[in-house]
C-alpha atoms as a PDB file:
ATOM      1  CA  MET A   1       0.651   8.099  13.629  1.00  0.00           C
ATOM      2  CA  LYS A   2       2.542   4.836  13.305  1.00  0.00           C
ATOM      3  CA  ASN A   3       3.497   3.905   9.773  1.00  0.00           C
ATOM      4  CA  PRO A   4       1.913   0.721   8.379  1.00  0.00           C
ATOM      5  CA  ARG A   5       3.943  -2.490   8.176  1.00  0.00           C
ATOM      6  CA  ASP A   6       4.283  -4.904   5.268  1.00  0.00           C
ATOM      7  CA  PHE A   7       3.920  -8.698   5.215  1.00  0.00           C
ATOM      8  CA  MET A   8       7.448  -9.127   6.616  1.00  0.00           C
ATOM      9  CA  ASN A   9       6.652  -6.632   9.429  1.00  0.00           C
ATOM     10  CA  ARG A  10       8.908  -3.901   7.984  1.00  0.00           C
ATOM     11  CA  GLU A  11       7.840  -0.274   8.270  1.00  0.00           C
ATOM     12  CA  ILE A  12       6.474   1.264   5.064  1.00  0.00           C
ATOM     13  CA  THR A  13       7.718   4.833   4.529  1.00  0.00           C
ATOM     14  CA  GLU A  14       7.593   7.346   1.705  1.00  0.00           C
ATOM     15  CA  GLY A  15       9.887   6.504  -1.201  1.00  0.00           C
ATOM     16  CA  VAL A  16       9.953   2.709  -0.830  1.00  0.00           C
ATOM     17  CA  ILE A  17       8.960   0.366  -3.648  1.00  0.00           C
ATOM     18  CA  LEU A  18       6.159  -2.098  -2.866  1.00  0.00           C
ATOM     19  CA  VAL A  19       4.691  -5.056  -4.701  1.00  0.00           C
ATOM     20  CA  TYR A  20       1.073  -6.009  -4.094  1.00  0.00           C
ATOM     21  CA  PRO A  21      -1.168  -8.816  -5.390  1.00  0.00           C
ATOM     22  CA  VAL A  22      -3.742  -8.212  -8.121  1.00  0.00           C
ATOM     23  CA  ARG A  23      -6.466 -10.639  -9.084  1.00  0.00           C
ATOM     24  CA  ARG A  24      -8.705 -10.604 -12.122  1.00  0.00           C
ATOM     25  CA  MET A  25     -11.031 -13.610 -12.310  1.00  0.00           C
ATOM     26  CA  SER A  26      -8.768 -16.652 -11.820  1.00  0.00           C
ATOM     27  CA  ALA A  27      -5.535 -14.894 -12.860  1.00  0.00           C
ATOM     28  CA  MET A  28      -3.224 -13.459 -10.195  1.00  0.00           C
ATOM     29  CA  TRP A  29      -0.021 -11.410 -10.502  1.00  0.00           C
ATOM     30  CA  LEU A  30       2.054  -8.802  -8.666  1.00  0.00           C
ATOM     31  CA  LYS A  31       2.218  -5.079  -9.424  1.00  0.00           C
ATOM     32  CA  LYS A  32       4.780  -2.535  -8.283  1.00  0.00           C
ATOM     33  CA  ILE A  33       4.304   0.998  -6.897  1.00  0.00           C
ATOM     34  CA  THR A  34       6.497   3.702  -5.408  1.00  0.00           C
ATOM     35  CA  VAL A  35       5.009   5.088  -2.175  1.00  0.00           C
ATOM     36  CA  LYS A  36       4.391   8.850  -2.300  1.00  0.00           C
ATOM     37  CA  ARG A  37       2.563   9.355   1.004  1.00  0.00           C
ATOM     38  CA  ILE A  38       0.647   7.631   3.780  1.00  0.00           C
ATOM     39  CA  VAL A  39      -2.705   9.066   4.840  1.00  0.00           C
ATOM     40  CA  GLU A  40      -4.594   8.307   8.041  1.00  0.00           C
ATOM     41  CA  THR A  41      -8.329   8.976   8.220  1.00  0.00           C
ATOM     42  CA  THR A  42     -11.211   7.921  10.431  1.00  0.00           C
ATOM     43  CA  ASP A  43     -13.659   5.377   9.040  1.00  0.00           C
ATOM     44  CA  GLN A  44     -17.140   6.953   8.858  1.00  0.00           C
ATOM     45  CA  LYS A  45     -18.985   3.732   9.728  1.00  0.00           C
ATOM     46  CA  THR A  46     -16.839   2.273  12.512  1.00  0.00           C
ATOM     47  CA  GLY A  47     -15.040   5.365  13.794  1.00  0.00           C
ATOM     48  CA  ARG A  48     -11.691   3.545  13.721  1.00  0.00           C
ATOM     49  CA  PRO A  49      -8.570   5.066  12.172  1.00  0.00           C
ATOM     50  CA  THR A  50      -7.714   3.739   8.713  1.00  0.00           C
ATOM     51  CA  GLN A  51      -4.418   4.115   6.849  1.00  0.00           C
ATOM     52  CA  TYR A  52      -4.072   4.402   3.089  1.00  0.00           C
ATOM     53  CA  ILE A  53      -0.861   3.988   1.124  1.00  0.00           C
ATOM     54  CA  ILE A  54      -0.802   6.272  -1.904  1.00  0.00           C
ATOM     55  CA  GLY A  55       1.735   5.758  -4.647  1.00  0.00           C
ATOM     56  CA  THR A  56       2.332   5.693  -8.375  1.00  0.00           C
ATOM     57  CA  ASN A  57       2.957   2.778 -10.696  1.00  0.00           C
ATOM     58  CA  ASP A  58       5.424   2.654 -13.599  1.00  0.00           C
ATOM     59  CA  ASN A  59       2.969   4.484 -15.880  1.00  0.00           C
ATOM     60  CA  GLY A  60       2.554   7.359 -13.386  1.00  0.00           C
ATOM     61  CA  ARG A  61      -0.977   6.338 -12.443  1.00  0.00           C
ATOM     62  CA  ARG A  62      -2.052   6.966  -8.837  1.00  0.00           C
ATOM     63  CA  ILE A  63      -2.720   3.801  -6.822  1.00  0.00           C
ATOM     64  CA  THR A  64      -4.290   3.643  -3.340  1.00  0.00           C
ATOM     65  CA  LEU A  65      -3.728   0.559  -1.178  1.00  0.00           C
ATOM     66  CA  THR A  66      -5.758  -0.175   1.953  1.00  0.00           C
ATOM     67  CA  LYS A  67      -4.253  -3.489   3.075  1.00  0.00           C
ATOM     68  CA  ALA A  68      -0.635  -2.884   4.058  1.00  0.00           C
ATOM     69  CA  ASP A  69      -0.150  -6.411   5.382  1.00  0.00           C
ATOM     70  CA  ARG A  70      -0.604  -7.802   1.846  1.00  0.00           C
ATOM     71  CA  CYS A  71       2.290  -5.746   0.422  1.00  0.00           C
ATOM     72  CA  VAL A  72       6.014  -6.466   0.465  1.00  0.00           C
ATOM     73  CA  ILE A  73       8.843  -3.922   0.295  1.00  0.00           C
ATOM     74  CA  VAL A  74      11.256  -4.760  -2.564  1.00  0.00           C
ATOM     75  CA  GLY A  75      13.374  -1.618  -2.752  1.00  0.00           C
ATOM     76  CA  VAL A  76      14.140   1.840  -1.438  1.00  0.00           C
END
């Protein structure tokens, strides 16, 4: 399994800090998570492999990201 890559084409690994865009109605902002693990599964409908980035935010809440190319690594 190849690790996903961020917007700047850097490899996302466990332990890095990512920011990702959030949109609610017309408001947009960035949120930060710490990556805990990367999971690869097979999509039931298409049969293609899909990668999920699982991490926690500052409050300890679990966050799952599906679009790695929309994230940016900001720290290790």
